[in-house]
């Protein structure tokens, strides 16, 4: 299992590269009760992420990815989805939303937005599911699988901790700092998101093809 942990970290970091999710979180943090709303957003995001992980793990195990070349074909399919997701990245980039949310904003609404953000977060979903597939293929037992999924999930959430950490460390300057971060993400969103999808998509395709050709 030790050799799989670094792989889960790398996949989780790739899945965490989601500029849109960070921009949505920052918008929520530019309202009243920023920390409370941010944590509620994060909770909603985590709940959906865990649901994807559990469902994905059950599906992959029922498909018996270790049998024949099933695992390779799954990697190829996920690689193709990564490349197709680039189309969505460019489509969404035509109308970047960077305005302040403003006004009163409840924790319940923030939780719902967090859940919805993760539910439609295509790039994160595909890469995270690729990690879940790796766990399903690993022969590490129940405890080992849980540990690997926890590592994968933690690093998938890592970039969302950045705005929250900025607020905790610099509460008085947080609004200005978060505005600058959001502006930078709006400007570079397409390049960042499409770049990680290309790299990971090619990786999955090569990995899957090599598995099928064995």
C-alpha atoms as a PDB file:
ATOM      1  CA  UNK A   1       0.000   0.000   0.000  1.00  0.00           C
ATOM      2  CA  UNK A   2       2.934   2.307   0.670  1.00  0.00           C
ATOM      3  CA  UNK A   3       3.706   2.651  -3.026  1.00  0.00           C
ATOM      4  CA  UNK A   4       0.086   3.616  -3.755  1.00  0.00           C
ATOM      5  CA  UNK A   5      -0.042   6.546  -1.320  1.00  0.00           C
ATOM      6  CA  UNK A   6       2.236   8.794  -3.446  1.00  0.00           C
ATOM      7  CA  UNK A   7       0.085   7.938  -6.460  1.00  0.00           C
ATOM      8  CA  UNK A   8      -3.071   8.908  -4.546  1.00  0.00           C
ATOM      9  CA  UNK A   9      -1.415  12.185  -3.560  1.00  0.00           C
ATOM     10  CA  UNK A  10      -0.548  13.012  -7.178  1.00  0.00           C
ATOM     11  CA  UNK A  11      -3.998  12.075  -8.488  1.00  0.00           C
ATOM     12  CA  UNK A  12      -5.640  14.037  -5.672  1.00  0.00           C
ATOM     13  CA  UNK A  13      -3.544  17.109  -6.446  1.00  0.00           C
ATOM     14  CA  UNK A  14      -4.494  16.835 -10.128  1.00  0.00           C
ATOM     15  CA  UNK A  15      -8.171  16.524  -9.183  1.00  0.00           C
ATOM     16  CA  UNK A  16      -7.878  19.532  -6.884  1.00  0.00           C
ATOM     17  CA  UNK A  17      -6.963  21.835  -9.790  1.00  0.00           C
ATOM     18  CA  UNK A  18     -10.420  23.331 -10.211  1.00  0.00           C
ATOM     19  CA  UNK A  19     -10.310  27.119 -10.664  1.00  0.00           C
ATOM     20  CA  UNK A  20     -14.103  27.381 -10.929  1.00  0.00           C
ATOM     21  CA  UNK A  21     -14.638  25.712  -7.539  1.00  0.00           C
ATOM     22  CA  UNK A  22     -12.126  28.058  -5.925  1.00  0.00           C
ATOM     23  CA  UNK A  23     -13.779  31.101  -7.551  1.00  0.00           C
ATOM     24  CA  UNK A  24     -17.204  30.024  -6.280  1.00  0.00           C
ATOM     25  CA  UNK A  25     -15.792  29.546  -2.781  1.00  0.00           C
ATOM     26  CA  UNK A  26     -14.140  32.973  -2.858  1.00  0.00           C
ATOM     27  CA  UNK A  27     -17.429  34.579  -3.951  1.00  0.00           C
ATOM     28  CA  UNK A  28     -19.112  32.984  -0.945  1.00  0.00           C
ATOM     29  CA  UNK A  29     -16.330  34.235   1.321  1.00  0.00           C
ATOM     30  CA  UNK A  30     -16.920  37.806   0.155  1.00  0.00           C
ATOM     31  CA  UNK A  31     -20.255  37.801   1.989  1.00  0.00           C
ATOM     32  CA  UNK A  32     -21.160  38.169   5.641  1.00  0.00           C
ATOM     33  CA  UNK A  33     -19.935  35.346   7.923  1.00  0.00           C
ATOM     34  CA  UNK A  34     -17.238  34.283   5.423  1.00  0.00           C
ATOM     35  CA  UNK A  35     -15.676  31.530   7.534  1.00  0.00           C
ATOM     36  CA  UNK A  36     -18.996  29.951   8.494  1.00  0.00           C
ATOM     37  CA  UNK A  37     -20.201  30.011   4.897  1.00  0.00           C
ATOM     38  CA  UNK A  38     -16.872  28.702   3.590  1.00  0.00           C
ATOM     39  CA  UNK A  39     -16.946  25.741   5.968  1.00  0.00           C
ATOM     40  CA  UNK A  40     -20.565  25.027   4.999  1.00  0.00           C
ATOM     41  CA  UNK A  41     -19.579  25.139   1.317  1.00  0.00           C
ATOM     42  CA  UNK A  42     -16.691  22.778   2.038  1.00  0.00           C
ATOM     43  CA  UNK A  43     -18.997  20.362   3.871  1.00  0.00           C
ATOM     44  CA  UNK A  44     -21.406  20.202   0.937  1.00  0.00           C
ATOM     45  CA  UNK A  45     -18.483  19.703  -1.444  1.00  0.00           C
ATOM     46  CA  UNK A  46     -17.065  16.892   0.721  1.00  0.00           C
ATOM     47  CA  UNK A  47     -20.382  15.053   1.025  1.00  0.00           C
ATOM     48  CA  UNK A  48     -20.797  14.830  -2.741  1.00  0.00           C
ATOM     49  CA  UNK A  49     -17.122  13.937  -3.208  1.00  0.00           C
ATOM     50  CA  UNK A  50     -17.477  11.047  -0.752  1.00  0.00           C
ATOM     51  CA  UNK A  51     -20.672   9.911  -2.475  1.00  0.00           C
ATOM     52  CA  UNK A  52     -18.843   9.783  -5.824  1.00  0.00           C
ATOM     53  CA  UNK A  53     -16.027   7.835  -4.199  1.00  0.00           C
ATOM     54  CA  UNK A  54     -18.270   5.235  -2.575  1.00  0.00           C
ATOM     55  CA  UNK A  55     -20.446   4.759  -5.665  1.00  0.00           C
ATOM     56  CA  UNK A  56     -17.424   4.624  -7.957  1.00  0.00           C
ATOM     57  CA  UNK A  57     -15.672   2.078  -5.751  1.00  0.00           C
ATOM     58  CA  UNK A  58     -18.759  -0.175  -5.680  1.00  0.00           C
ATOM     59  CA  UNK A  59     -19.178   0.031  -9.455  1.00  0.00           C
ATOM     60  CA  UNK A  60     -15.522  -0.696 -10.195  1.00  0.00           C
ATOM     61  CA  UNK A  61     -15.403  -3.635  -7.800  1.00  0.00           C
ATOM     62  CA  UNK A  62     -18.547  -5.123  -9.319  1.00  0.00           C
ATOM     63  CA  UNK A  63     -16.948  -4.726 -12.763  1.00  0.00           C
ATOM     64  CA  UNK A  64     -13.928  -6.720 -11.511  1.00  0.00           C
ATOM     65  CA  UNK A  65     -11.231  -4.419 -12.957  1.00  0.00           C
ATOM     66  CA  UNK A  66      -8.499  -6.979 -12.192  1.00  0.00           C
ATOM     67  CA  UNK A  67     -10.105  -9.507 -14.531  1.00  0.00           C
ATOM     68  CA  UNK A  68      -8.681  -9.564 -18.060  1.00  0.00           C
ATOM     69  CA  UNK A  69      -8.225  -6.113 -19.577  1.00  0.00           C
ATOM     70  CA  UNK A  70     -11.239  -4.483 -17.905  1.00  0.00           C
ATOM     71  CA  UNK A  71      -9.047  -2.105 -15.918  1.00  0.00           C
ATOM     72  CA  UNK A  72      -7.254  -0.985 -19.063  1.00  0.00           C
ATOM     73  CA  UNK A  73     -10.486  -0.255 -20.885  1.00  0.00           C
ATOM     74  CA  UNK A  74     -11.732   1.748 -17.898  1.00  0.00           C
ATOM     75  CA  UNK A  75      -8.547   3.848 -17.962  1.00  0.00           C
ATOM     76  CA  UNK A  76      -8.964   4.445 -21.691  1.00  0.00           C
ATOM     77  CA  UNK A  77     -12.583   5.532 -21.186  1.00  0.00           C
ATOM     78  CA  UNK A  78     -11.584   7.918 -18.389  1.00  0.00           C
ATOM     79  CA  UNK A  79      -8.766   9.308 -20.539  1.00  0.00           C
ATOM     80  CA  UNK A  80     -11.185  10.008 -23.376  1.00  0.00           C
ATOM     81  CA  UNK A  81     -13.560  11.706 -20.924  1.00  0.00           C
ATOM     82  CA  UNK A  82     -10.696  13.926 -19.708  1.00  0.00           C
ATOM     83  CA  UNK A  83     -10.022  15.104 -23.252  1.00  0.00           C
ATOM     84  CA  UNK A  84     -13.720  15.609 -23.998  1.00  0.00           C
ATOM     85  CA  UNK A  85     -14.066  17.632 -20.789  1.00  0.00           C
ATOM     86  CA  UNK A  86     -11.735  20.237 -22.304  1.00  0.00           C
ATOM     87  CA  UNK A  87     -14.646  21.254 -24.547  1.00  0.00           C
ATOM     88  CA  UNK A  88     -16.693  22.081 -21.448  1.00  0.00           C
ATOM     89  CA  UNK A  89     -13.793  24.108 -20.044  1.00  0.00           C
ATOM     90  CA  UNK A  90     -13.702  26.344 -23.126  1.00  0.00           C
ATOM     91  CA  UNK A  91     -17.496  26.585 -23.228  1.00  0.00           C
ATOM     92  CA  UNK A  92     -17.728  27.701 -19.608  1.00  0.00           C
ATOM     93  CA  UNK A  93     -14.843  30.146 -20.013  1.00  0.00           C
ATOM     94  CA  UNK A  94     -16.918  32.258 -22.398  1.00  0.00           C
ATOM     95  CA  UNK A  95     -18.927  33.578 -19.474  1.00  0.00           C
ATOM     96  CA  UNK A  96     -16.644  33.761 -16.430  1.00  0.00           C
ATOM     97  CA  UNK A  97     -18.471  34.695 -13.264  1.00  0.00           C
ATOM     98  CA  UNK A  98     -16.333  36.797 -10.984  1.00  0.00           C
ATOM     99  CA  UNK A  99     -18.825  39.144  -9.373  1.00  0.00           C
ATOM    100  CA  UNK A 100     -19.298  39.461  -5.641  1.00  0.00           C
ATOM    101  CA  UNK A 101     -22.197  37.594  -4.157  1.00  0.00           C
ATOM    102  CA  UNK A 102     -22.721  40.286  -1.541  1.00  0.00           C
ATOM    103  CA  UNK A 103     -25.432  40.722   1.064  1.00  0.00           C
ATOM    104  CA  UNK A 104     -26.659  38.149   3.565  1.00  0.00           C
ATOM    105  CA  UNK A 105     -25.870  34.539   2.864  1.00  0.00           C
ATOM    106  CA  UNK A 106     -26.877  31.582   5.003  1.00  0.00           C
ATOM    107  CA  UNK A 107     -24.861  28.497   5.830  1.00  0.00           C
ATOM    108  CA  UNK A 108     -27.581  26.265   4.387  1.00  0.00           C
ATOM    109  CA  UNK A 109     -27.375  27.977   1.015  1.00  0.00           C
ATOM    110  CA  UNK A 110     -23.572  27.763   1.095  1.00  0.00           C
ATOM    111  CA  UNK A 111     -23.784  24.037   1.814  1.00  0.00           C
ATOM    112  CA  UNK A 112     -26.140  23.551  -1.133  1.00  0.00           C
ATOM    113  CA  UNK A 113     -23.861  25.520  -3.458  1.00  0.00           C
ATOM    114  CA  UNK A 114     -20.882  23.461  -2.296  1.00  0.00           C
ATOM    115  CA  UNK A 115     -22.725  20.230  -3.058  1.00  0.00           C
ATOM    116  CA  UNK A 116     -23.884  21.512  -6.460  1.00  0.00           C
ATOM    117  CA  UNK A 117     -20.393  22.763  -7.335  1.00  0.00           C
ATOM    118  CA  UNK A 118     -18.873  19.345  -6.735  1.00  0.00           C
ATOM    119  CA  UNK A 119     -21.778  17.560  -8.431  1.00  0.00           C
ATOM    120  CA  UNK A 120     -21.067  19.300 -11.766  1.00  0.00           C
ATOM    121  CA  UNK A 121     -17.304  19.696 -11.366  1.00  0.00           C
ATOM    122  CA  UNK A 122     -16.419  17.628 -14.438  1.00  0.00           C
ATOM    123  CA  UNK A 123     -12.632  17.791 -14.315  1.00  0.00           C
ATOM    124  CA  UNK A 124     -12.402  16.961 -10.614  1.00  0.00           C
ATOM    125  CA  UNK A 125     -14.951  14.156 -10.929  1.00  0.00           C
ATOM    126  CA  UNK A 126     -13.163  12.376 -13.786  1.00  0.00           C
ATOM    127  CA  UNK A 127      -9.694  12.582 -12.233  1.00  0.00           C
ATOM    128  CA  UNK A 128     -10.993  11.661  -8.758  1.00  0.00           C
ATOM    129  CA  UNK A 129     -12.843   8.656 -10.195  1.00  0.00           C
ATOM    130  CA  UNK A 130      -9.611   7.604 -11.905  1.00  0.00           C
ATOM    131  CA  UNK A 131      -8.054   7.547  -8.435  1.00  0.00           C
ATOM    132  CA  UNK A 132     -10.983   5.536  -7.073  1.00  0.00           C
ATOM    133  CA  UNK A 133     -10.400   3.073  -9.910  1.00  0.00           C
ATOM    134  CA  UNK A 134      -6.773   2.678  -8.812  1.00  0.00           C
ATOM    135  CA  UNK A 135      -7.963   1.907  -5.286  1.00  0.00           C
ATOM    136  CA  UNK A 136     -10.510  -0.629  -6.537  1.00  0.00           C
ATOM    137  CA  UNK A 137      -7.767  -2.437  -8.485  1.00  0.00           C
ATOM    138  CA  UNK A 138      -5.375  -2.514  -5.533  1.00  0.00           C
ATOM    139  CA  UNK A 139      -5.325  -5.635  -3.375  1.00  0.00           C
ATOM    140  CA  UNK A 140      -4.966  -3.857  -0.043  1.00  0.00           C
ATOM    141  CA  UNK A 141      -8.030  -5.017   1.899  1.00  0.00           C
ATOM    142  CA  UNK A 142     -10.868  -2.952   3.319  1.00  0.00           C
ATOM    143  CA  UNK A 143      -8.780  -0.888   5.743  1.00  0.00           C
ATOM    144  CA  UNK A 144      -6.153  -0.193   3.101  1.00  0.00           C
ATOM    145  CA  UNK A 145      -8.806   0.910   0.606  1.00  0.00           C
ATOM    146  CA  UNK A 146     -10.328   3.299   3.154  1.00  0.00           C
ATOM    147  CA  UNK A 147      -6.914   4.813   3.919  1.00  0.00           C
ATOM    148  CA  UNK A 148      -6.151   5.292   0.220  1.00  0.00           C
ATOM    149  CA  UNK A 149      -9.557   6.876  -0.421  1.00  0.00           C
ATOM    150  CA  UNK A 150      -9.058   9.242   2.528  1.00  0.00           C
ATOM    151  CA  UNK A 151      -5.633  10.308   1.196  1.00  0.00           C
ATOM    152  CA  UNK A 152      -7.083  10.782  -2.296  1.00  0.00           C
ATOM    153  CA  UNK A 153     -10.029  12.797  -0.963  1.00  0.00           C
ATOM    154  CA  UNK A 154      -7.893  15.014   1.281  1.00  0.00           C
ATOM    155  CA  UNK A 155      -5.575  16.069  -1.525  1.00  0.00           C
ATOM    156  CA  UNK A 156      -8.535  16.547  -3.877  1.00  0.00           C
ATOM    157  CA  UNK A 157      -9.776  19.181  -1.425  1.00  0.00           C
ATOM    158  CA  UNK A 158      -6.385  20.820  -0.905  1.00  0.00           C
ATOM    159  CA  UNK A 159      -6.827  23.873  -3.136  1.00  0.00           C
ATOM    160  CA  UNK A 160     -10.113  24.743  -1.415  1.00  0.00           C
ATOM    161  CA  UNK A 161      -8.210  25.097   1.843  1.00  0.00           C
ATOM    162  CA  UNK A 162      -6.169  27.960   0.348  1.00  0.00           C
ATOM    163  CA  UNK A 163      -8.854  30.722   0.489  1.00  0.00           C
ATOM    164  CA  UNK A 164      -9.933  29.567   3.945  1.00  0.00           C
ATOM    165  CA  UNK A 165      -6.328  29.616   5.186  1.00  0.00           C
ATOM    166  CA  UNK A 166      -5.839  33.106   3.745  1.00  0.00           C
ATOM    167  CA  UNK A 167      -8.864  34.336   5.692  1.00  0.00           C
ATOM    168  CA  UNK A 168      -7.752  32.674   8.947  1.00  0.00           C
ATOM    169  CA  UNK A 169      -4.207  34.047   8.704  1.00  0.00           C
ATOM    170  CA  UNK A 170      -5.033  37.516   7.347  1.00  0.00           C
ATOM    171  CA  UNK A 171      -8.656  38.313   8.310  1.00  0.00           C
ATOM    172  CA  UNK A 172      -8.281  42.074   7.785  1.00  0.00           C
ATOM    173  CA  UNK A 173      -6.596  41.775   4.384  1.00  0.00           C
ATOM    174  CA  UNK A 174      -8.509  38.676   3.288  1.00  0.00           C
ATOM    175  CA  UNK A 175     -11.050  40.445   1.051  1.00  0.00           C
ATOM    176  CA  UNK A 176      -8.371  42.214  -0.998  1.00  0.00           C
ATOM    177  CA  UNK A 177      -6.203  39.111  -1.225  1.00  0.00           C
ATOM    178  CA  UNK A 178      -9.112  36.888  -2.241  1.00  0.00           C
ATOM    179  CA  UNK A 179     -10.249  39.404  -4.855  1.00  0.00           C
ATOM    180  CA  UNK A 180      -6.755  39.327  -6.406  1.00  0.00           C
ATOM    181  CA  UNK A 181      -6.704  35.527  -6.344  1.00  0.00           C
ATOM    182  CA  UNK A 182     -10.131  35.332  -7.951  1.00  0.00           C
ATOM    183  CA  UNK A 183      -9.124  37.817 -10.646  1.00  0.00           C
ATOM    184  CA  UNK A 184      -6.022  35.772 -11.441  1.00  0.00           C
ATOM    185  CA  UNK A 185      -8.078  32.577 -11.646  1.00  0.00           C
ATOM    186  CA  UNK A 186     -10.621  34.202 -13.960  1.00  0.00           C
ATOM    187  CA  UNK A 187      -7.792  35.232 -16.265  1.00  0.00           C
ATOM    188  CA  UNK A 188      -6.010  31.868 -16.294  1.00  0.00           C
ATOM    189  CA  UNK A 189      -8.923  29.480 -15.673  1.00  0.00           C
ATOM    190  CA  UNK A 190      -9.048  28.000 -19.178  1.00  0.00           C
ATOM    191  CA  UNK A 191      -5.302  27.359 -19.452  1.00  0.00           C
ATOM    192  CA  UNK A 192      -5.050  25.787 -15.986  1.00  0.00           C
ATOM    193  CA  UNK A 193      -8.079  23.510 -16.302  1.00  0.00           C
ATOM    194  CA  UNK A 194      -7.456  22.404 -19.887  1.00  0.00           C
ATOM    195  CA  UNK A 195      -3.748  21.851 -19.198  1.00  0.00           C
ATOM    196  CA  UNK A 196      -4.344  19.427 -16.330  1.00  0.00           C
ATOM    197  CA  UNK A 197      -7.030  17.593 -18.335  1.00  0.00           C
ATOM    198  CA  UNK A 198      -4.699  17.136 -21.307  1.00  0.00           C
ATOM    199  CA  UNK A 199      -1.865  15.826 -19.145  1.00  0.00           C
ATOM    200  CA  UNK A 200      -4.023  13.450 -17.139  1.00  0.00           C
ATOM    201  CA  UNK A 201      -6.066  12.377 -20.158  1.00  0.00           C
ATOM    202  CA  UNK A 202      -2.931  11.404 -22.093  1.00  0.00           C
ATOM    203  CA  UNK A 203      -1.572   9.600 -19.012  1.00  0.00           C
ATOM    204  CA  UNK A 204      -4.751   7.529 -18.663  1.00  0.00           C
ATOM    205  CA  UNK A 205      -4.867   6.713 -22.367  1.00  0.00           C
ATOM    206  CA  UNK A 206      -1.258   5.522 -22.428  1.00  0.00           C
ATOM    207  CA  UNK A 207      -1.725   3.564 -19.200  1.00  0.00           C
ATOM    208  CA  UNK A 208      -4.917   1.938 -20.450  1.00  0.00           C
ATOM    209  CA  UNK A 209      -3.529   1.054 -23.885  1.00  0.00           C
ATOM    210  CA  UNK A 210      -0.419  -0.508 -22.336  1.00  0.00           C
ATOM    211  CA  UNK A 211      -2.638  -2.573 -20.024  1.00  0.00           C
ATOM    212  CA  UNK A 212      -4.842  -3.772 -22.883  1.00  0.00           C
ATOM    213  CA  UNK A 213      -1.814  -4.700 -25.008  1.00  0.00           C
ATOM    214  CA  UNK A 214      -0.305  -6.953 -22.322  1.00  0.00           C
END
